[in-house]
Amino acid sequence: MMENQYLLGENQCLLRKIKKKLLYISEFYRFFYKGIRTSQVVYE
């Protein structure tokens, strides 16, 4: 039973790390995409 709790804790930690990474990636892409859009507008 204790091992299950420990594994659950590990999984929760891993999920949190993955979520944080996904958040960073999506923010980066949004910033990057916005940069491309604005640069296209400038060039036109």
N, C-alpha and C. Protein backbone atom coordinates (compact mmCIF):
# COMPACT_ATOMS: atom_id res chain seq x y z
N MET A 1 0.84 -1.20 0.00
CA MET A 1 0.00 0.00 0.00
C MET A 1 0.88 1.26 0.00
N MET A 2 1.89 1.25 0.84
CA MET A 2 2.79 2.41 0.91
C MET A 2 3.48 2.63 -0.43
N GLU A 3 3.86 1.54 -1.08
CA GLU A 3 4.53 1.67 -2.38
C GLU A 3 3.61 2.33 -3.40
N ASN A 4 2.33 1.96 -3.36
CA ASN A 4 1.37 2.57 -4.27
C ASN A 4 1.28 4.07 -4.06
N GLN A 5 1.24 4.48 -2.80
CA GLN A 5 1.19 5.91 -2.47
C GLN A 5 2.42 6.62 -3.01
N TYR A 6 3.56 5.96 -2.84
CA TYR A 6 4.83 6.54 -3.30
C TYR A 6 4.81 6.70 -4.82
N LEU A 7 4.37 5.65 -5.51
CA LEU A 7 4.30 5.69 -6.98
C LEU A 7 3.34 6.78 -7.43
N LEU A 8 2.22 6.91 -6.73
CA LEU A 8 1.23 7.94 -7.06
C LEU A 8 1.88 9.32 -6.94
N GLY A 9 2.63 9.52 -5.86
CA GLY A 9 3.32 10.79 -5.64
C GLY A 9 4.30 11.07 -6.77
N GLU A 10 5.05 10.04 -7.16
CA GLU A 10 6.03 10.21 -8.24
C GLU A 10 5.31 10.61 -9.53
N ASN A 11 4.22 9.92 -9.83
CA ASN A 11 3.47 10.22 -11.04
C ASN A 11 2.94 11.65 -11.04
N GLN A 12 2.44 12.09 -9.89
CA GLN A 12 1.91 13.45 -9.76
C GLN A 12 3.01 14.47 -10.05
N CYS A 13 4.19 14.19 -9.50
CA CYS A 13 5.33 15.09 -9.69
C CYS A 13 5.69 15.14 -11.17
N LEU A 14 5.72 13.98 -11.81
CA LEU A 14 6.06 13.88 -13.23
C LEU A 14 5.03 14.64 -14.07
N LEU A 15 3.76 14.45 -13.74
CA LEU A 15 2.69 15.14 -14.47
C LEU A 15 2.83 16.64 -14.35
N ARG A 16 3.16 17.10 -13.13
CA ARG A 16 3.31 18.53 -12.91
C ARG A 16 4.44 19.07 -13.77
N LYS A 17 5.56 18.32 -13.82
CA LYS A 17 6.71 18.75 -14.62
C LYS A 17 6.34 18.82 -16.09
N ILE A 18 5.62 17.80 -16.57
CA ILE A 18 5.22 17.77 -17.98
C ILE A 18 4.29 18.93 -18.30
N LYS A 19 3.33 19.18 -17.41
CA LYS A 19 2.40 20.30 -17.63
C LYS A 19 3.15 21.61 -17.71
N LYS A 20 4.13 21.79 -16.80
CA LYS A 20 4.90 23.03 -16.79
C LYS A 20 5.66 23.17 -18.10
N LYS A 21 6.23 22.06 -18.59
CA LYS A 21 6.98 22.09 -19.84
C LYS A 21 6.06 22.44 -21.00
N LEU A 22 4.89 21.84 -21.03
CA LEU A 22 3.93 22.11 -22.10
C LEU A 22 3.52 23.57 -22.09
N LEU A 23 3.34 24.12 -20.90
CA LEU A 23 2.97 25.52 -20.76
C LEU A 23 4.06 26.41 -21.34
N TYR A 24 5.31 26.10 -20.99
CA TYR A 24 6.44 26.88 -21.51
C TYR A 24 6.49 26.81 -23.03
N ILE A 25 6.30 25.59 -23.57
CA ILE A 25 6.37 25.40 -25.01
C ILE A 25 5.26 26.17 -25.72
N SER A 26 4.03 26.08 -25.18
CA SER A 26 2.91 26.79 -25.82
C SER A 26 3.12 28.30 -25.76
N GLU A 27 3.62 28.79 -24.64
CA GLU A 27 3.89 30.22 -24.51
C GLU A 27 4.94 30.64 -25.53
N PHE A 28 5.99 29.82 -25.66
CA PHE A 28 7.07 30.12 -26.60
C PHE A 28 6.54 30.16 -28.02
N TYR A 29 5.72 29.15 -28.38
CA TYR A 29 5.17 29.11 -29.73
C TYR A 29 4.27 30.30 -30.01
N ARG A 30 3.48 30.68 -28.99
CA ARG A 30 2.57 31.82 -29.18
C ARG A 30 3.40 33.08 -29.45
N PHE A 31 4.45 33.26 -28.68
CA PHE A 31 5.34 34.41 -28.83
C PHE A 31 6.00 34.39 -30.20
N PHE A 32 6.50 33.20 -30.58
CA PHE A 32 7.19 33.01 -31.85
C PHE A 32 6.24 33.30 -33.02
N TYR A 33 5.02 32.74 -32.92
CA TYR A 33 4.02 32.91 -33.98
C TYR A 33 3.64 34.37 -34.12
N LYS A 34 3.45 35.05 -32.99
CA LYS A 34 3.10 36.46 -33.01
C LYS A 34 4.22 37.26 -33.69
N GLY A 35 5.48 36.88 -33.39
CA GLY A 35 6.63 37.54 -33.99
C GLY A 35 6.63 37.38 -35.51
N ILE A 36 6.31 36.18 -35.97
CA ILE A 36 6.27 35.93 -37.42
C ILE A 36 5.16 36.75 -38.07
N ARG A 37 4.00 36.76 -37.42
CA ARG A 37 2.85 37.51 -37.96
C ARG A 37 3.20 39.00 -38.09
N THR A 38 3.76 39.57 -37.04
CA THR A 38 4.06 41.00 -37.06
C THR A 38 5.15 41.31 -38.08
N SER A 39 6.13 40.41 -38.21
CA SER A 39 7.20 40.68 -39.18
C SER A 39 6.65 40.60 -40.60
N GLN A 40 5.67 39.73 -40.83
CA GLN A 40 5.04 39.64 -42.15
C GLN A 40 4.32 40.95 -42.47
N VAL A 41 3.63 41.48 -41.48
CA VAL A 41 2.90 42.73 -41.66
C VAL A 41 3.88 43.85 -42.00
N VAL A 42 5.01 43.87 -41.33
CA VAL A 42 6.01 44.91 -41.56
C VAL A 42 6.55 44.82 -42.99
N TYR A 43 6.77 43.59 -43.47
CA TYR A 43 7.35 43.42 -44.80
C TYR A 43 6.37 43.75 -45.92
N GLU A 44 5.08 43.64 -45.65
CA GLU A 44 4.10 43.90 -46.73
C GLU A 44 4.00 45.38 -47.08
